[in-house]
Protein backbone atom coordinates (compact mmCIF):
# COMPACT_ATOMS: atom_id res chain seq x y z
CA UNK A 1 12.68 25.83 18.87
CA UNK A 2 9.76 23.46 18.53
CA UNK A 3 8.22 21.24 21.17
CA UNK A 4 6.85 18.18 19.28
CA UNK A 5 6.78 15.88 22.30
CA UNK A 6 2.98 15.66 22.34
CA UNK A 7 2.47 15.08 18.59
CA UNK A 8 0.53 11.91 17.93
CA UNK A 9 1.77 10.82 14.52
CA UNK A 10 0.66 7.16 14.75
CA UNK A 11 -1.91 7.58 11.98
CA UNK A 12 -0.05 10.04 9.83
CA UNK A 13 0.70 8.91 6.26
CA UNK A 14 1.95 12.16 4.67
CA UNK A 15 4.73 14.24 6.23
CA UNK A 16 5.67 16.05 3.00
CA UNK A 17 6.88 19.62 3.45
CA UNK A 18 6.39 19.39 7.24
CA UNK A 19 9.50 21.43 8.11
CA UNK A 20 10.20 22.96 4.66
CA UNK A 21 11.94 26.41 4.87
CA UNK A 22 12.42 26.16 8.64
CA UNK A 23 15.64 28.01 8.10
CA UNK A 24 16.20 28.94 11.78
CA UNK A 25 15.98 25.43 13.20
CA UNK A 26 19.33 24.04 14.27
CA UNK A 27 18.13 20.76 15.76
CA UNK A 28 14.92 18.72 15.89
CA UNK A 29 13.85 16.13 18.39
CA UNK A 30 11.55 13.74 16.58
CA UNK A 31 12.05 10.87 19.15
CA UNK A 32 8.30 10.72 19.86
CA UNK A 33 7.36 10.49 16.17
CA UNK A 34 5.74 7.23 15.09
CA UNK A 35 6.52 6.98 11.35
CA UNK A 36 5.42 3.39 10.87
CA UNK A 37 2.42 4.41 8.62
CA UNK A 38 4.09 7.25 6.72
CA UNK A 39 4.21 6.77 2.96
CA UNK A 40 5.27 10.29 1.88
CA UNK A 41 8.19 12.31 3.18
CA UNK A 42 8.85 14.47 0.12
CA UNK A 43 10.64 17.74 0.97
CA UNK A 44 10.13 17.03 4.72
CA UNK A 45 13.28 18.93 5.72
CA UNK A 46 13.88 20.76 2.43
CA UNK A 47 15.70 24.02 2.83
CA UNK A 48 16.31 23.66 6.58
CA UNK A 49 19.64 25.37 5.94
CA UNK A 50 20.71 25.72 9.56
CA UNK A 51 19.70 22.21 10.71
CA UNK A 52 22.60 20.30 12.08
CA UNK A 53 20.96 17.43 14.08
CA UNK A 54 17.77 15.38 13.85
CA UNK A 55 17.22 13.10 16.92
CA UNK A 56 15.11 9.99 16.66
CA UNK A 57 14.66 6.68 18.52
CA UNK A 58 15.79 3.37 17.17
CA UNK A 59 12.25 2.56 16.11
CA UNK A 60 12.26 5.29 13.43
CA UNK A 61 10.60 3.47 10.52
CA UNK A 62 10.57 4.39 6.82
CA UNK A 63 9.71 0.99 5.38
CA UNK A 64 6.35 2.20 4.06
CA UNK A 65 7.76 5.39 2.58
CA UNK A 66 7.47 5.25 -1.20
CA UNK A 67 7.84 8.95 -1.95
CA UNK A 68 10.73 10.87 -0.44
CA UNK A 69 12.32 13.02 -3.17
CA UNK A 70 14.15 16.14 -1.89
CA UNK A 71 13.54 15.03 1.71
CA UNK A 72 16.84 16.57 2.79
CA UNK A 73 17.55 18.94 -0.10
CA UNK A 74 19.60 21.96 0.86
CA UNK A 75 20.28 20.68 4.42
CA UNK A 76 23.92 21.46 3.91
CA UNK A 77 24.83 21.63 7.63
CA UNK A 78 23.13 18.35 8.61
CA UNK A 79 25.46 15.81 10.29
CA UNK A 80 24.48 12.30 11.41
CA UNK A 81 25.40 10.97 14.88
CA UNK A 82 28.50 9.12 13.66
CA UNK A 83 29.70 12.09 11.60
CA UNK A 84 28.06 11.49 8.17
CA UNK A 85 27.82 14.84 6.41
CA UNK A 86 25.29 16.08 3.90
CA UNK A 87 25.70 14.71 0.36
CA UNK A 88 23.66 16.53 -2.29
CA UNK A 89 23.29 13.15 -4.10
CA UNK A 90 21.60 11.55 -1.06
CA UNK A 91 18.45 13.67 -0.40
CA UNK A 92 15.76 10.98 -0.30
CA UNK A 93 15.03 8.39 2.39
CA UNK A 94 18.29 6.57 1.63
CA UNK A 95 19.92 8.37 4.55
CA UNK A 96 16.78 8.78 6.69
CA UNK A 97 18.18 6.48 9.36
CA UNK A 98 20.36 6.65 12.42
CA UNK A 99 23.91 7.21 11.30
CA UNK A 100 25.90 3.97 11.49
CA UNK A 101 29.16 5.41 10.09
CA UNK A 102 30.75 4.27 6.84
CA UNK A 103 29.00 0.94 6.74
CA UNK A 104 25.53 2.42 7.18
CA UNK A 105 25.60 6.18 6.71
CA UNK A 106 22.60 8.29 7.77
CA UNK A 107 21.63 11.83 8.64
CA UNK A 108 19.83 11.01 11.88
CA UNK A 109 21.17 10.77 15.44
CA UNK A 110 20.03 8.39 18.14
CA UNK A 111 18.23 10.33 20.92
CA UNK A 112 20.53 8.65 23.44
CA UNK A 113 23.34 10.84 22.08
CA UNK A 114 21.45 14.08 22.67
CA UNK A 115 23.25 16.36 25.14
CA UNK A 116 21.37 17.05 28.40
CA UNK A 117 19.83 20.53 28.60
C-alpha cells in the first residue's frame, strides 16, 4: 500500500511512469492529487497488473495533459466506479475520468464510493 495523502502535486507537470510496474498495487487513492498543471501522464499506471481501483475526487483535471500514451497499458484488472472494464484500445487519457457508465466511460472511481476501512 501507499500513503499519498501528503503529496503536494499542485506544481507537478510530469507524472509519467509514476506508478509503472507497481504490480502489487490493487488500489490507489489519489483523491488529494492536484493534477491541474500536469501536461504529461505517459505510462503513469503502465503494467499495474493487479490494480483494480483508482480513487479520485471530482476535481481530477486532465485538461492540460497533452501526452498520455500508454497511461493505462496492461492494467487488465482495472474497473471504473460504474463498472467500465479495461479496454486495450483505450490506454491514454480518454478514460482518465470518473466512470460515468456507458455515456461517459472511465477507469476512475469517485472517492465517495471508497469502502470505509
